[in-house]
Amino acid sequence: MTRSDRRLARLRRARSGVKPEELRTVLESAGFVLQGIRGSHWVYRHPAGTRPVVIPYRRPLLPIYVKQALDAIDEVLEP
């Protein structure tokens, strides 16, 4: 199991108490690219054209933002 797989598994187990930097690392390892920063929000897009993932820079992240990011990652990784 690679380091990025372990990080993704950790996010799936514990959706609360996640730091924005941890989610950023997982998104980037799944192929998402930082499209821009708007105020205090990071906007990520995948080259495959999925919907954008908007993550507020807040410590710790609310579980709903982690769930939205995991759903977007699942859309990309699913064949």
N, C-alpha and C. Protein backbone atom coordinates (compact mmCIF):
# COMPACT_ATOMS: atom_id res chain seq x y z
N MET A 1 0.85 -1.17 0.00
CA MET A 1 0.00 0.00 0.00
C MET A 1 0.90 1.24 0.00
N THR A 2 0.65 2.14 -0.93
CA THR A 2 1.47 3.33 -1.03
C THR A 2 1.04 4.37 0.01
N ARG A 3 1.85 5.38 0.12
CA ARG A 3 1.57 6.44 1.09
C ARG A 3 0.26 7.17 0.76
N SER A 4 0.03 7.42 -0.52
CA SER A 4 -1.21 8.11 -0.90
C SER A 4 -2.43 7.23 -0.64
N ASP A 5 -2.29 5.90 -0.80
CA ASP A 5 -3.38 4.99 -0.47
C ASP A 5 -3.68 5.02 1.02
N ARG A 6 -2.64 5.07 1.84
CA ARG A 6 -2.84 5.13 3.29
C ARG A 6 -3.53 6.43 3.70
N ARG A 7 -3.14 7.54 3.06
CA ARG A 7 -3.78 8.81 3.38
C ARG A 7 -5.25 8.80 2.99
N LEU A 8 -5.55 8.24 1.82
CA LEU A 8 -6.93 8.15 1.38
C LEU A 8 -7.74 7.26 2.31
N ALA A 9 -7.17 6.16 2.74
CA ALA A 9 -7.86 5.26 3.68
C ALA A 9 -8.11 5.96 5.01
N ARG A 10 -7.15 6.76 5.46
CA ARG A 10 -7.32 7.50 6.72
C ARG A 10 -8.47 8.49 6.63
N LEU A 11 -8.58 9.18 5.48
CA LEU A 11 -9.67 10.13 5.30
C LEU A 11 -11.02 9.42 5.28
N ARG A 12 -11.05 8.23 4.71
CA ARG A 12 -12.32 7.48 4.67
C ARG A 12 -12.75 7.04 6.07
N ARG A 13 -11.77 6.73 6.94
CA ARG A 13 -12.09 6.31 8.31
C ARG A 13 -12.49 7.48 9.18
N ALA A 14 -11.68 8.52 9.18
CA ALA A 14 -11.88 9.65 10.09
C ALA A 14 -12.14 10.91 9.28
N ARG A 15 -13.39 11.23 9.09
CA ARG A 15 -13.73 12.41 8.29
C ARG A 15 -13.69 13.70 9.10
N SER A 16 -13.59 13.58 10.40
CA SER A 16 -13.51 14.78 11.22
C SER A 16 -12.06 14.97 11.68
N GLY A 17 -11.70 16.19 11.92
CA GLY A 17 -10.35 16.49 12.37
C GLY A 17 -9.32 16.48 11.27
N VAL A 18 -9.76 16.63 10.02
CA VAL A 18 -8.84 16.61 8.87
C VAL A 18 -8.34 18.02 8.62
N LYS A 19 -7.05 18.15 8.40
CA LYS A 19 -6.47 19.45 8.09
C LYS A 19 -6.57 19.70 6.58
N PRO A 20 -6.69 20.97 6.19
CA PRO A 20 -6.79 21.27 4.76
C PRO A 20 -5.57 20.77 3.96
N GLU A 21 -4.41 20.78 4.57
CA GLU A 21 -3.21 20.34 3.87
C GLU A 21 -3.26 18.84 3.56
N GLU A 22 -3.85 18.06 4.47
CA GLU A 22 -3.99 16.62 4.24
C GLU A 22 -4.91 16.35 3.05
N LEU A 23 -6.02 17.06 3.01
CA LEU A 23 -6.96 16.87 1.91
C LEU A 23 -6.35 17.35 0.60
N ARG A 24 -5.60 18.41 0.66
CA ARG A 24 -4.92 18.92 -0.53
C ARG A 24 -3.98 17.87 -1.10
N THR A 25 -3.21 17.22 -0.25
CA THR A 25 -2.27 16.19 -0.68
C THR A 25 -2.99 15.03 -1.35
N VAL A 26 -4.10 14.60 -0.76
CA VAL A 26 -4.86 13.47 -1.32
C VAL A 26 -5.47 13.85 -2.66
N LEU A 27 -6.02 15.06 -2.76
CA LEU A 27 -6.60 15.50 -4.02
C LEU A 27 -5.54 15.57 -5.13
N GLU A 28 -4.39 16.12 -4.81
CA GLU A 28 -3.33 16.23 -5.81
C GLU A 28 -2.79 14.87 -6.22
N SER A 29 -2.74 13.92 -5.30
CA SER A 29 -2.27 12.58 -5.66
C SER A 29 -3.30 11.84 -6.53
N ALA A 30 -4.58 12.25 -6.47
CA ALA A 30 -5.61 11.65 -7.31
C ALA A 30 -5.69 12.33 -8.67
N GLY A 31 -4.87 13.34 -8.89
CA GLY A 31 -4.83 13.99 -10.20
C GLY A 31 -5.55 15.32 -10.28
N PHE A 32 -6.07 15.81 -9.17
CA PHE A 32 -6.75 17.10 -9.17
C PHE A 32 -5.71 18.21 -9.20
N VAL A 33 -6.08 19.32 -9.85
CA VAL A 33 -5.17 20.46 -10.00
C VAL A 33 -5.82 21.67 -9.35
N LEU A 34 -5.02 22.44 -8.64
CA LEU A 34 -5.51 23.66 -8.01
C LEU A 34 -5.82 24.66 -9.11
N GLN A 35 -7.09 24.95 -9.29
CA GLN A 35 -7.52 25.87 -10.34
C GLN A 35 -7.33 27.31 -9.89
N GLY A 36 -7.53 27.55 -8.62
CA GLY A 36 -7.36 28.90 -8.12
C GLY A 36 -7.77 29.00 -6.67
N ILE A 37 -7.43 30.14 -6.09
CA ILE A 37 -7.81 30.42 -4.71
C ILE A 37 -8.71 31.64 -4.76
N ARG A 38 -9.91 31.48 -4.23
CA ARG A 38 -10.87 32.58 -4.21
C ARG A 38 -11.18 32.90 -2.77
N GLY A 39 -10.58 33.97 -2.29
CA GLY A 39 -10.76 34.33 -0.89
C GLY A 39 -10.07 33.29 -0.02
N SER A 40 -10.85 32.61 0.79
CA SER A 40 -10.28 31.60 1.66
C SER A 40 -10.64 30.19 1.19
N HIS A 41 -11.01 30.05 -0.09
CA HIS A 41 -11.41 28.76 -0.63
C HIS A 41 -10.45 28.31 -1.73
N TRP A 42 -10.11 27.03 -1.69
CA TRP A 42 -9.29 26.42 -2.74
C TRP A 42 -10.23 25.71 -3.70
N VAL A 43 -10.04 25.94 -4.98
CA VAL A 43 -10.89 25.32 -6.00
C VAL A 43 -10.03 24.35 -6.80
N TYR A 44 -10.43 23.07 -6.78
CA TYR A 44 -9.70 22.02 -7.48
C TYR A 44 -10.56 21.47 -8.61
N ARG A 45 -9.91 21.13 -9.71
CA ARG A 45 -10.57 20.47 -10.84
C ARG A 45 -9.69 19.32 -11.31
N HIS A 46 -10.34 18.34 -11.88
CA HIS A 46 -9.61 17.21 -12.46
C HIS A 46 -9.60 17.40 -13.97
N PRO A 47 -8.51 17.03 -14.63
CA PRO A 47 -8.45 17.18 -16.10
C PRO A 47 -9.54 16.40 -16.83
N ALA A 48 -10.13 15.40 -16.21
CA ALA A 48 -11.19 14.62 -16.85
C ALA A 48 -12.49 15.41 -16.95
N GLY A 49 -12.55 16.58 -16.34
CA GLY A 49 -13.72 17.44 -16.46
C GLY A 49 -14.81 17.20 -15.45
N THR A 50 -14.47 16.68 -14.30
CA THR A 50 -15.48 16.48 -13.26
C THR A 50 -15.85 17.83 -12.65
N ARG A 51 -16.83 17.79 -11.79
CA ARG A 51 -17.25 19.02 -11.13
C ARG A 51 -16.12 19.54 -10.24
N PRO A 52 -16.10 20.85 -9.99
CA PRO A 52 -15.04 21.38 -9.14
C PRO A 52 -15.24 20.98 -7.68
N VAL A 53 -14.13 20.90 -6.96
CA VAL A 53 -14.16 20.61 -5.53
C VAL A 53 -13.68 21.89 -4.85
N VAL A 54 -14.54 22.45 -4.01
CA VAL A 54 -14.23 23.71 -3.32
C VAL A 54 -14.00 23.39 -1.85
N ILE A 55 -12.79 23.72 -1.37
CA ILE A 55 -12.40 23.43 0.00
C ILE A 55 -12.08 24.75 0.70
N PRO A 56 -12.81 25.08 1.77
CA PRO A 56 -12.46 26.29 2.52
C PRO A 56 -11.23 26.03 3.38
N TYR A 57 -10.42 27.04 3.52
CA TYR A 57 -9.25 26.90 4.38
C TYR A 57 -9.71 27.16 5.80
N ARG A 58 -10.08 26.11 6.47
CA ARG A 58 -10.58 26.17 7.84
C ARG A 58 -10.01 24.99 8.59
N ARG A 59 -9.56 25.19 9.79
CA ARG A 59 -8.97 24.11 10.58
C ARG A 59 -9.88 23.76 11.73
N PRO A 60 -10.22 22.55 11.96
CA PRO A 60 -10.21 21.44 11.01
C PRO A 60 -11.37 21.58 10.03
N LEU A 61 -11.31 20.85 8.95
CA LEU A 61 -12.37 20.89 7.94
C LEU A 61 -13.63 20.23 8.48
N LEU A 62 -14.75 20.74 8.05
CA LEU A 62 -16.01 20.10 8.39
C LEU A 62 -16.12 18.79 7.62
N PRO A 63 -16.74 17.78 8.21
CA PRO A 63 -16.84 16.47 7.55
C PRO A 63 -17.52 16.50 6.19
N ILE A 64 -18.43 17.44 5.94
CA ILE A 64 -19.12 17.50 4.66
C ILE A 64 -18.15 17.81 3.52
N TYR A 65 -17.13 18.64 3.78
CA TYR A 65 -16.15 18.96 2.74
C TYR A 65 -15.27 17.76 2.43
N VAL A 66 -14.95 17.00 3.44
CA VAL A 66 -14.15 15.78 3.24
C VAL A 66 -14.97 14.78 2.43
N LYS A 67 -16.24 14.65 2.74
CA LYS A 67 -17.11 13.73 2.01
C LYS A 67 -17.23 14.14 0.55
N GLN A 68 -17.39 15.43 0.28
CA GLN A 68 -17.49 15.90 -1.10
C GLN A 68 -16.22 15.61 -1.88
N ALA A 69 -15.09 15.80 -1.24
CA ALA A 69 -13.81 15.53 -1.91
C ALA A 69 -13.65 14.03 -2.17
N LEU A 70 -14.03 13.19 -1.21
CA LEU A 70 -13.94 11.74 -1.40
C LEU A 70 -14.87 11.27 -2.52
N ASP A 71 -16.05 11.86 -2.61
CA ASP A 71 -16.98 11.52 -3.69
C ASP A 71 -16.38 11.88 -5.05
N ALA A 72 -15.74 13.04 -5.13
CA ALA A 72 -15.12 13.46 -6.39
C ALA A 72 -13.94 12.54 -6.75
N ILE A 73 -13.17 12.13 -5.75
CA ILE A 73 -12.06 11.22 -6.00
C ILE A 73 -12.59 9.87 -6.48
N ASP A 74 -13.67 9.40 -5.88
CA ASP A 74 -14.26 8.12 -6.30
C ASP A 74 -14.76 8.19 -7.74
N GLU A 75 -15.31 9.35 -8.16
CA GLU A 75 -15.76 9.49 -9.54
C GLU A 75 -14.60 9.35 -10.51
N VAL A 76 -13.46 9.89 -10.14
CA VAL A 76 -12.30 9.88 -11.01
C VAL A 76 -11.64 8.49 -11.03
N LEU A 77 -11.51 7.86 -9.87
CA LEU A 77 -10.81 6.59 -9.78
C LEU A 77 -11.65 5.39 -10.24
N GLU A 78 -12.96 5.57 -10.29
CA GLU A 78 -13.85 4.48 -10.70
C GLU A 78 -13.79 4.31 -12.21
N PRO A 79 -13.62 3.09 -12.70
CA PRO A 79 -13.53 2.88 -14.16
C PRO A 79 -14.83 3.05 -14.88
